[in-house]
Amino acid sequence: TDRQSFLKILQRPDIPLHTNGSENDIRSVVTRRKISGGTHSNQGRAARDTMLSMMKTCNKLGVSFWDYLGDRLGIPGSKILPLPVLLAAR
């Protein structure tokens, strides 16, 4: 059974064998948390985590986070599809 689990990776060669990507994704979050001393409320933490997640996702999709945020807030400028739509199109 361990062998079967180990060999599953052969069915999905697109999945990396390491976690470097995931570790790099959280590095900026950890660094900012250390510098700022963290948040003072659960709402603050949720807001920070949401914004950082959107920034990372926009970056990976090649979309300007600030343009995306502006579009979501209704600021005139570039029209950008919602992130789930962009992800599904990949």
PDB file of N, CA and C in Angstrom:
ATOM      1  N   THR A   1       0.821  -1.203   0.000  1.00  0.00           N
ATOM      2  CA  THR A   1       0.000   0.000   0.000  1.00  0.00           C
ATOM      3  C   THR A   1       0.858   1.257   0.000  1.00  0.00           C
ATOM      4  N   ASP A   2       1.959   1.252   0.746  1.00  0.00           N
ATOM      5  CA  ASP A   2       2.861   2.398   0.698  1.00  0.00           C
ATOM      6  C   ASP A   2       3.437   2.559  -0.696  1.00  0.00           C
ATOM      7  N   ARG A   3       3.731   1.434  -1.306  1.00  0.00           N
ATOM      8  CA  ARG A   3       4.287   1.464  -2.655  1.00  0.00           C
ATOM      9  C   ARG A   3       3.273   2.061  -3.635  1.00  0.00           C
ATOM     10  N   GLN A   4       1.999   1.695  -3.480  1.00  0.00           N
ATOM     11  CA  GLN A   4       0.956   2.234  -4.348  1.00  0.00           C
ATOM     12  C   GLN A   4       0.824   3.741  -4.164  1.00  0.00           C
ATOM     13  N   SER A   5       0.879   4.191  -2.927  1.00  0.00           N
ATOM     14  CA  SER A   5       0.810   5.630  -2.654  1.00  0.00           C
ATOM     15  C   SER A   5       2.000   6.348  -3.259  1.00  0.00           C
ATOM     16  N   PHE A   6       3.151   5.742  -3.130  1.00  0.00           N
ATOM     17  CA  PHE A   6       4.371   6.346  -3.657  1.00  0.00           C
ATOM     18  C   PHE A   6       4.318   6.445  -5.178  1.00  0.00           C
ATOM     19  N   LEU A   7       3.759   5.458  -5.823  1.00  0.00           N
ATOM     20  CA  LEU A   7       3.724   5.428  -7.286  1.00  0.00           C
ATOM     21  C   LEU A   7       2.631   6.312  -7.887  1.00  0.00           C
ATOM     22  N   LYS A   8       1.741   6.847  -7.058  1.00  0.00           N
ATOM     23  CA  LYS A   8       0.697   7.742  -7.563  1.00  0.00           C
ATOM     24  C   LYS A   8       1.287   8.967  -8.250  1.00  0.00           C
ATOM     25  N   ILE A   9       2.465   9.372  -7.825  1.00  0.00           N
ATOM     26  CA  ILE A   9       3.099  10.545  -8.424  1.00  0.00           C
ATOM     27  C   ILE A   9       3.348  10.335  -9.912  1.00  0.00           C
ATOM     28  N   LEU A  10       3.502   9.102 -10.318  1.00  0.00           N
ATOM     29  CA  LEU A  10       3.718   8.815 -11.737  1.00  0.00           C
ATOM     30  C   LEU A  10       2.477   9.123 -12.569  1.00  0.00           C
ATOM     31  N   GLN A  11       1.321   9.092 -11.928  1.00  0.00           N
ATOM     32  CA  GLN A  11       0.077   9.424 -12.620  1.00  0.00           C
ATOM     33  C   GLN A  11      -0.113  10.930 -12.744  1.00  0.00           C
ATOM     34  N   ARG A  12       0.570  11.705 -11.915  1.00  0.00           N
ATOM     35  CA  ARG A  12       0.440  13.172 -11.918  1.00  0.00           C
ATOM     36  C   ARG A  12       1.816  13.824 -11.951  1.00  0.00           C
ATOM     37  N   PRO A  13       2.511  13.760 -13.092  1.00  0.00           N
ATOM     38  CA  PRO A  13       3.855  14.337 -13.164  1.00  0.00           C
ATOM     39  C   PRO A  13       3.871  15.864 -13.015  1.00  0.00           C
ATOM     40  N   ASP A  14       2.698  16.500 -13.092  1.00  0.00           N
ATOM     41  CA  ASP A  14       2.628  17.953 -12.935  1.00  0.00           C
ATOM     42  C   ASP A  14       2.760  18.382 -11.477  1.00  0.00           C
ATOM     43  N   ILE A  15       2.636  17.461 -10.545  1.00  0.00           N
ATOM     44  CA  ILE A  15       2.757  17.786  -9.124  1.00  0.00           C
ATOM     45  C   ILE A  15       4.224  17.674  -8.719  1.00  0.00           C
ATOM     46  N   PRO A  16       4.802  18.752  -8.162  1.00  0.00           N
ATOM     47  CA  PRO A  16       6.218  18.702  -7.777  1.00  0.00           C
ATOM     48  C   PRO A  16       6.464  17.733  -6.617  1.00  0.00           C
ATOM     49  N   LEU A  17       7.672  17.210  -6.566  1.00  0.00           N
ATOM     50  CA  LEU A  17       8.047  16.280  -5.502  1.00  0.00           C
ATOM     51  C   LEU A  17       8.521  17.004  -4.249  1.00  0.00           C
ATOM     52  N   HIS A  18       8.556  18.310  -4.275  1.00  0.00           N
ATOM     53  CA  HIS A  18       9.038  19.101  -3.141  1.00  0.00           C
ATOM     54  C   HIS A  18       7.975  20.117  -2.746  1.00  0.00           C
ATOM     55  N   THR A  19       8.194  20.795  -1.640  1.00  0.00           N
ATOM     56  CA  THR A  19       7.245  21.798  -1.155  1.00  0.00           C
ATOM     57  C   THR A  19       7.814  23.209  -1.247  1.00  0.00           C
ATOM     58  N   ASN A  20       8.833  23.404  -2.067  1.00  0.00           N
ATOM     59  CA  ASN A  20       9.462  24.722  -2.152  1.00  0.00           C
ATOM     60  C   ASN A  20       8.467  25.812  -2.535  1.00  0.00           C
ATOM     61  N   GLY A  21       7.561  25.528  -3.452  1.00  0.00           N
ATOM     62  CA  GLY A  21       6.572  26.529  -3.865  1.00  0.00           C
ATOM     63  C   GLY A  21       5.689  26.956  -2.714  1.00  0.00           C
ATOM     64  N   SER A  22       5.218  26.002  -1.948  1.00  0.00           N
ATOM     65  CA  SER A  22       4.365  26.310  -0.795  1.00  0.00           C
ATOM     66  C   SER A  22       5.135  27.083   0.263  1.00  0.00           C
ATOM     67  N   GLU A  23       6.371  26.685   0.492  1.00  0.00           N
ATOM     68  CA  GLU A  23       7.193  27.384   1.480  1.00  0.00           C
ATOM     69  C   GLU A  23       7.461  28.821   1.045  1.00  0.00           C
ATOM     70  N   ASN A  24       7.714  29.026  -0.230  1.00  0.00           N
ATOM     71  CA  ASN A  24       7.935  30.382  -0.731  1.00  0.00           C
ATOM     72  C   ASN A  24       6.670  31.219  -0.615  1.00  0.00           C
ATOM     73  N   ASP A  25       5.501  30.602  -0.812  1.00  0.00           N
ATOM     74  CA  ASP A  25       4.242  31.330  -0.716  1.00  0.00           C
ATOM     75  C   ASP A  25       4.010  31.895   0.676  1.00  0.00           C
ATOM     76  N   ILE A  26       4.411  31.180   1.712  1.00  0.00           N
ATOM     77  CA  ILE A  26       4.146  31.668   3.071  1.00  0.00           C
ATOM     78  C   ILE A  26       5.297  32.485   3.651  1.00  0.00           C
ATOM     79  N   ARG A  27       6.443  32.491   2.986  1.00  0.00           N
ATOM     80  CA  ARG A  27       7.606  33.203   3.523  1.00  0.00           C
ATOM     81  C   ARG A  27       7.303  34.683   3.760  1.00  0.00           C
ATOM     82  N   SER A  28       6.667  35.362   2.790  1.00  0.00           N
ATOM     83  CA  SER A  28       6.387  36.791   2.956  1.00  0.00           C
ATOM     84  C   SER A  28       5.407  37.024   4.098  1.00  0.00           C
ATOM     85  N   VAL A  29       4.459  36.118   4.278  1.00  0.00           N
ATOM     86  CA  VAL A  29       3.491  36.249   5.371  1.00  0.00           C
ATOM     87  C   VAL A  29       4.198  36.161   6.716  1.00  0.00           C
ATOM     88  N   VAL A  30       5.069  35.188   6.856  1.00  0.00           N
ATOM     89  CA  VAL A  30       5.785  34.993   8.119  1.00  0.00           C
ATOM     90  C   VAL A  30       6.696  36.183   8.405  1.00  0.00           C
ATOM     91  N   THR A  31       7.391  36.669   7.383  1.00  0.00           N
ATOM     92  CA  THR A  31       8.287  37.816   7.560  1.00  0.00           C
ATOM     93  C   THR A  31       7.508  39.048   8.000  1.00  0.00           C
ATOM     94  N   ARG A  32       6.391  39.335   7.335  1.00  0.00           N
ATOM     95  CA  ARG A  32       5.583  40.508   7.706  1.00  0.00           C
ATOM     96  C   ARG A  32       5.014  40.366   9.113  1.00  0.00           C
ATOM     97  N   ARG A  33       4.614  39.159   9.467  1.00  0.00           N
ATOM     98  CA  ARG A  33       4.073  38.927  10.805  1.00  0.00           C
ATOM     99  C   ARG A  33       5.136  39.186  11.864  1.00  0.00           C
ATOM    100  N   LYS A  34       6.370  38.740  11.608  1.00  0.00           N
ATOM    101  CA  LYS A  34       7.457  38.961  12.566  1.00  0.00           C
ATOM    102  C   LYS A  34       7.753  40.445  12.724  1.00  0.00           C
ATOM    103  N   ILE A  35       7.770  41.176  11.609  1.00  0.00           N
ATOM    104  CA  ILE A  35       8.089  42.604  11.649  1.00  0.00           C
ATOM    105  C   ILE A  35       6.993  43.388  12.365  1.00  0.00           C
ATOM    106  N   SER A  36       5.734  43.084  12.057  1.00  0.00           N
ATOM    107  CA  SER A  36       4.628  43.871  12.602  1.00  0.00           C
ATOM    108  C   SER A  36       4.203  43.429  13.995  1.00  0.00           C
ATOM    109  N   GLY A  37       4.625  42.247  14.412  1.00  0.00           N
ATOM    110  CA  GLY A  37       4.183  41.741  15.704  1.00  0.00           C
ATOM    111  C   GLY A  37       2.824  41.067  15.619  1.00  0.00           C
ATOM    112  N   GLY A  38       2.347  40.832  14.419  1.00  0.00           N
ATOM    113  CA  GLY A  38       1.061  40.152  14.240  1.00  0.00           C
ATOM    114  C   GLY A  38      -0.098  41.120  14.259  1.00  0.00           C
ATOM    115  N   THR A  39      -1.291  40.567  14.250  1.00  0.00           N
ATOM    116  CA  THR A  39      -2.495  41.396  14.283  1.00  0.00           C
ATOM    117  C   THR A  39      -3.064  41.372  15.695  1.00  0.00           C
ATOM    118  N   HIS A  40      -3.982  42.288  15.954  1.00  0.00           N
ATOM    119  CA  HIS A  40      -4.556  42.403  17.291  1.00  0.00           C
ATOM    120  C   HIS A  40      -5.943  41.778  17.399  1.00  0.00           C
ATOM    121  N   SER A  41      -6.475  41.311  16.266  1.00  0.00           N
ATOM    122  CA  SER A  41      -7.810  40.709  16.307  1.00  0.00           C
ATOM    123  C   SER A  41      -7.917  39.613  15.257  1.00  0.00           C
ATOM    124  N   ASN A  42      -8.915  38.779  15.427  1.00  0.00           N
ATOM    125  CA  ASN A  42      -9.175  37.738  14.432  1.00  0.00           C
ATOM    126  C   ASN A  42      -9.589  38.347  13.099  1.00  0.00           C
ATOM    127  N   GLN A  43     -10.342  39.453  13.157  1.00  0.00           N
ATOM    128  CA  GLN A  43     -10.756  40.127  11.920  1.00  0.00           C
ATOM    129  C   GLN A  43      -9.547  40.704  11.187  1.00  0.00           C
ATOM    130  N   GLY A  44      -8.611  41.256  11.925  1.00  0.00           N
ATOM    131  CA  GLY A  44      -7.397  41.790  11.308  1.00  0.00           C
ATOM    132  C   GLY A  44      -6.584  40.700  10.649  1.00  0.00           C
ATOM    133  N   ARG A  45      -6.475  39.560  11.319  1.00  0.00           N
ATOM    134  CA  ARG A  45      -5.733  38.436  10.752  1.00  0.00           C
ATOM    135  C   ARG A  45      -6.420  37.922   9.490  1.00  0.00           C
ATOM    136  N   ALA A  46      -7.742  37.819   9.530  1.00  0.00           N
ATOM    137  CA  ALA A  46      -8.485  37.333   8.363  1.00  0.00           C
ATOM    138  C   ALA A  46      -8.335  38.297   7.189  1.00  0.00           C
ATOM    139  N   ALA A  47      -8.386  39.607   7.468  1.00  0.00           N
ATOM    140  CA  ALA A  47      -8.228  40.601   6.402  1.00  0.00           C
ATOM    141  C   ALA A  47      -6.831  40.524   5.800  1.00  0.00           C
ATOM    142  N   ARG A  48      -5.811  40.432   6.653  1.00  0.00           N
ATOM    143  CA  ARG A  48      -4.432  40.329   6.163  1.00  0.00           C
ATOM    144  C   ARG A  48      -4.239  39.074   5.329  1.00  0.00           C
ATOM    145  N   ASP A  49      -4.716  37.958   5.824  1.00  0.00           N
ATOM    146  CA  ASP A  49      -4.547  36.694   5.109  1.00  0.00           C
ATOM    147  C   ASP A  49      -5.253  36.716   3.760  1.00  0.00           C
ATOM    148  N   THR A  50      -6.442  37.314   3.718  1.00  0.00           N
ATOM    149  CA  THR A  50      -7.190  37.405   2.462  1.00  0.00           C
ATOM    150  C   THR A  50      -6.450  38.266   1.451  1.00  0.00           C
ATOM    151  N   MET A  51      -5.967  39.420   1.891  1.00  0.00           N
ATOM    152  CA  MET A  51      -5.247  40.318   0.974  1.00  0.00           C
ATOM    153  C   MET A  51      -3.967  39.666   0.460  1.00  0.00           C
ATOM    154  N   LEU A  52      -3.202  39.036   1.330  1.00  0.00           N
ATOM    155  CA  LEU A  52      -1.960  38.393   0.899  1.00  0.00           C
ATOM    156  C   LEU A  52      -2.233  37.231  -0.047  1.00  0.00           C
ATOM    157  N   SER A  53      -3.302  36.506   0.207  1.00  0.00           N
ATOM    158  CA  SER A  53      -3.672  35.403  -0.677  1.00  0.00           C
ATOM    159  C   SER A  53      -4.037  35.925  -2.065  1.00  0.00           C
ATOM    160  N   MET A  54      -4.810  37.012  -2.104  1.00  0.00           N
ATOM    161  CA  MET A  54      -5.161  37.602  -3.402  1.00  0.00           C
ATOM    162  C   MET A  54      -3.922  38.126  -4.114  1.00  0.00           C
ATOM    163  N   MET A  55      -3.005  38.743  -3.372  1.00  0.00           N
ATOM    164  CA  MET A  55      -1.771  39.255  -3.982  1.00  0.00           C
ATOM    165  C   MET A  55      -0.969  38.116  -4.611  1.00  0.00           C
ATOM    166  N   LYS A  56      -0.814  37.018  -3.889  1.00  0.00           N
ATOM    167  CA  LYS A  56      -0.055  35.869  -4.401  1.00  0.00           C
ATOM    168  C   LYS A  56      -0.737  35.266  -5.626  1.00  0.00           C
ATOM    169  N   THR A  57      -2.056  35.131  -5.565  1.00  0.00           N
ATOM    170  CA  THR A  57      -2.787  34.545  -6.685  1.00  0.00           C
ATOM    171  C   THR A  57      -2.682  35.433  -7.918  1.00  0.00           C
ATOM    172  N   CYS A  58      -2.844  36.741  -7.739  1.00  0.00           N
ATOM    173  CA  CYS A  58      -2.700  37.671  -8.865  1.00  0.00           C
ATOM    174  C   CYS A  58      -1.303  37.567  -9.460  1.00  0.00           C
ATOM    175  N   ASN A  59      -0.305  37.527  -8.610  1.00  0.00           N
ATOM    176  CA  ASN A  59       1.078  37.433  -9.067  1.00  0.00           C
ATOM    177  C   ASN A  59       1.287  36.169  -9.898  1.00  0.00           C
ATOM    178  N   LYS A  60       0.779  35.044  -9.421  1.00  0.00           N
ATOM    179  CA  LYS A  60       0.941  33.777 -10.144  1.00  0.00           C
ATOM    180  C   LYS A  60       0.212  33.783 -11.484  1.00  0.00           C
ATOM    181  N   LEU A  61      -0.884  34.546 -11.566  1.00  0.00           N
ATOM    182  CA  LEU A  61      -1.657  34.613 -12.805  1.00  0.00           C
ATOM    183  C   LEU A  61      -1.171  35.723 -13.733  1.00  0.00           C
ATOM    184  N   GLY A  62      -0.200  36.511 -13.278  1.00  0.00           N
ATOM    185  CA  GLY A  62       0.313  37.605 -14.100  1.00  0.00           C
ATOM    186  C   GLY A  62      -0.625  38.800 -14.170  1.00  0.00           C
ATOM    187  N   VAL A  63      -1.444  38.971 -13.135  1.00  0.00           N
ATOM    188  CA  VAL A  63      -2.409  40.068 -13.071  1.00  0.00           C
ATOM    189  C   VAL A  63      -1.930  41.065 -12.022  1.00  0.00           C
ATOM    190  N   SER A  64      -2.031  42.351 -12.328  1.00  0.00           N
ATOM    191  CA  SER A  64      -1.670  43.371 -11.345  1.00  0.00           C
ATOM    192  C   SER A  64      -2.665  43.323 -10.184  1.00  0.00           C
ATOM    193  N   PHE A  65      -2.154  43.138  -8.979  1.00  0.00           N
ATOM    194  CA  PHE A  65      -3.031  43.100  -7.812  1.00  0.00           C
ATOM    195  C   PHE A  65      -3.781  44.410  -7.661  1.00  0.00           C
ATOM    196  N   TRP A  66      -3.098  45.527  -7.879  1.00  0.00           N
ATOM    197  CA  TRP A  66      -3.723  46.837  -7.684  1.00  0.00           C
ATOM    198  C   TRP A  66      -4.806  47.089  -8.726  1.00  0.00           C
ATOM    199  N   ASP A  67      -4.581  46.652  -9.965  1.00  0.00           N
ATOM    200  CA  ASP A  67      -5.625  46.760 -10.984  1.00  0.00           C
ATOM    201  C   ASP A  67      -6.810  45.865 -10.627  1.00  0.00           C
ATOM    202  N   TYR A  68      -6.508  44.657 -10.159  1.00  0.00           N
ATOM    203  CA  TYR A  68      -7.568  43.726  -9.761  1.00  0.00           C
ATOM    204  C   TYR A  68      -8.384  44.312  -8.607  1.00  0.00           C
ATOM    205  N   LEU A  69      -7.698  44.825  -7.597  1.00  0.00           N
ATOM    206  CA  LEU A  69      -8.386  45.403  -6.445  1.00  0.00           C
ATOM    207  C   LEU A  69      -9.224  46.607  -6.872  1.00  0.00           C
ATOM    208  N   GLY A  70      -8.659  47.454  -7.725  1.00  0.00           N
ATOM    209  CA  GLY A  70      -9.402  48.610  -8.228  1.00  0.00           C
ATOM    210  C   GLY A  70     -10.664  48.196  -8.961  1.00  0.00           C
ATOM    211  N   ASP A  71     -10.557  47.158  -9.789  1.00  0.00           N
ATOM    212  CA  ASP A  71     -11.730  46.672 -10.512  1.00  0.00           C
ATOM    213  C   ASP A  71     -12.782  46.140  -9.547  1.00  0.00           C
ATOM    214  N   ARG A  72     -12.356  45.414  -8.522  1.00  0.00           N
ATOM    215  CA  ARG A  72     -13.309  44.880  -7.540  1.00  0.00           C
ATOM    216  C   ARG A  72     -13.997  46.010  -6.770  1.00  0.00           C
ATOM    217  N   LEU A  73     -13.275  47.119  -6.560  1.00  0.00           N
ATOM    218  CA  LEU A  73     -13.838  48.249  -5.811  1.00  0.00           C
ATOM    219  C   LEU A  73     -14.617  49.208  -6.702  1.00  0.00           C
ATOM    220  N   GLY A  74     -14.658  48.923  -8.011  1.00  0.00           N
ATOM    221  CA  GLY A  74     -15.421  49.753  -8.939  1.00  0.00           C
ATOM    222  C   GLY A  74     -14.689  50.988  -9.420  1.00  0.00           C
ATOM    223  N   ILE A  75     -13.381  51.030  -9.267  1.00  0.00           N
ATOM    224  CA  ILE A  75     -12.591  52.163  -9.747  1.00  0.00           C
ATOM    225  C   ILE A  75     -12.424  52.019 -11.256  1.00  0.00           C
ATOM    226  N   PRO A  76     -12.718  53.076 -12.031  1.00  0.00           N
ATOM    227  CA  PRO A  76     -12.596  52.975 -13.491  1.00  0.00           C
ATOM    228  C   PRO A  76     -11.181  52.578 -13.909  1.00  0.00           C
ATOM    229  N   GLY A  77     -11.104  51.742 -14.912  1.00  0.00           N
ATOM    230  CA  GLY A  77      -9.811  51.271 -15.403  1.00  0.00           C
ATOM    231  C   GLY A  77      -9.977  49.938 -16.090  1.00  0.00           C
ATOM    232  N   SER A  78      -8.968  49.115 -15.975  1.00  0.00           N
ATOM    233  CA  SER A  78      -8.989  47.803 -16.618  1.00  0.00           C
ATOM    234  C   SER A  78     -10.069  46.916 -16.010  1.00  0.00           C
ATOM    235  N   LYS A  79     -10.780  46.215 -16.882  1.00  0.00           N
ATOM    236  CA  LYS A  79     -11.754  45.227 -16.423  1.00  0.00           C
ATOM    237  C   LYS A  79     -11.034  43.892 -16.291  1.00  0.00           C
ATOM    238  N   ILE A  80     -11.086  43.313 -15.111  1.00  0.00           N
ATOM    239  CA  ILE A  80     -10.387  42.062 -14.835  1.00  0.00           C
ATOM    240  C   ILE A  80     -11.407  41.038 -14.344  1.00  0.00           C
ATOM    241  N   LEU A  81     -11.346  39.858 -14.919  1.00  0.00           N
ATOM    242  CA  LEU A  81     -12.251  38.784 -14.511  1.00  0.00           C
ATOM    243  C   LEU A  81     -11.970  38.372 -13.065  1.00  0.00           C
ATOM    244  N   PRO A  82     -12.965  37.811 -12.393  1.00  0.00           N
ATOM    245  CA  PRO A  82     -12.728  37.299 -11.033  1.00  0.00           C
ATOM    246  C   PRO A  82     -11.636  36.226 -11.041  1.00  0.00           C
ATOM    247  N   LEU A  83     -10.875  36.140  -9.965  1.00  0.00           N
ATOM    248  CA  LEU A  83      -9.765  35.189  -9.891  1.00  0.00           C
ATOM    249  C   LEU A  83     -10.195  33.741 -10.128  1.00  0.00           C
ATOM    250  N   PRO A  84     -11.342  33.283  -9.590  1.00  0.00           N
ATOM    251  CA  PRO A  84     -11.730  31.897  -9.877  1.00  0.00           C
ATOM    252  C   PRO A  84     -11.929  31.630 -11.373  1.00  0.00           C
ATOM    253  N   VAL A  85     -12.427  32.622 -12.097  1.00  0.00           N
ATOM    254  CA  VAL A  85     -12.616  32.470 -13.547  1.00  0.00           C
ATOM    255  C   VAL A  85     -11.257  32.381 -14.237  1.00  0.00           C
ATOM    256  N   LEU A  86     -10.317  33.231 -13.825  1.00  0.00           N
ATOM    257  CA  LEU A  86      -8.976  33.201 -14.408  1.00  0.00           C
ATOM    258  C   LEU A  86      -8.279  31.879 -14.105  1.00  0.00           C
ATOM    259  N   LEU A  87      -8.456  31.374 -12.894  1.00  0.00           N
ATOM    260  CA  LEU A  87      -7.847  30.090 -12.530  1.00  0.00           C
ATOM    261  C   LEU A  87      -8.428  28.943 -13.349  1.00  0.00           C
ATOM    262  N   ALA A  88      -9.738  28.959 -13.539  1.00  0.00           N
ATOM    263  CA  ALA A  88     -10.392  27.888 -14.299  1.00  0.00           C
ATOM    264  C   ALA A  88      -9.964  27.907 -15.761  1.00  0.00           C
ATOM    265  N   ALA A  89      -9.618  29.090 -16.271  1.00  0.00           N
ATOM    266  CA  ALA A  89      -9.219  29.221 -17.677  1.00  0.00           C
ATOM    267  C   ALA A  89      -7.809  28.710 -17.930  1.00  0.00           C
ATOM    268  N   ARG A  90      -7.041  28.500 -16.878  1.00  0.00           N
ATOM    269  CA  ARG A  90      -5.652  28.043 -17.050  1.00  0.00           C
ATOM    270  C   ARG A  90      -5.578  26.656 -17.514  1.00  0.00           C
TER     271      ARG A  90
END
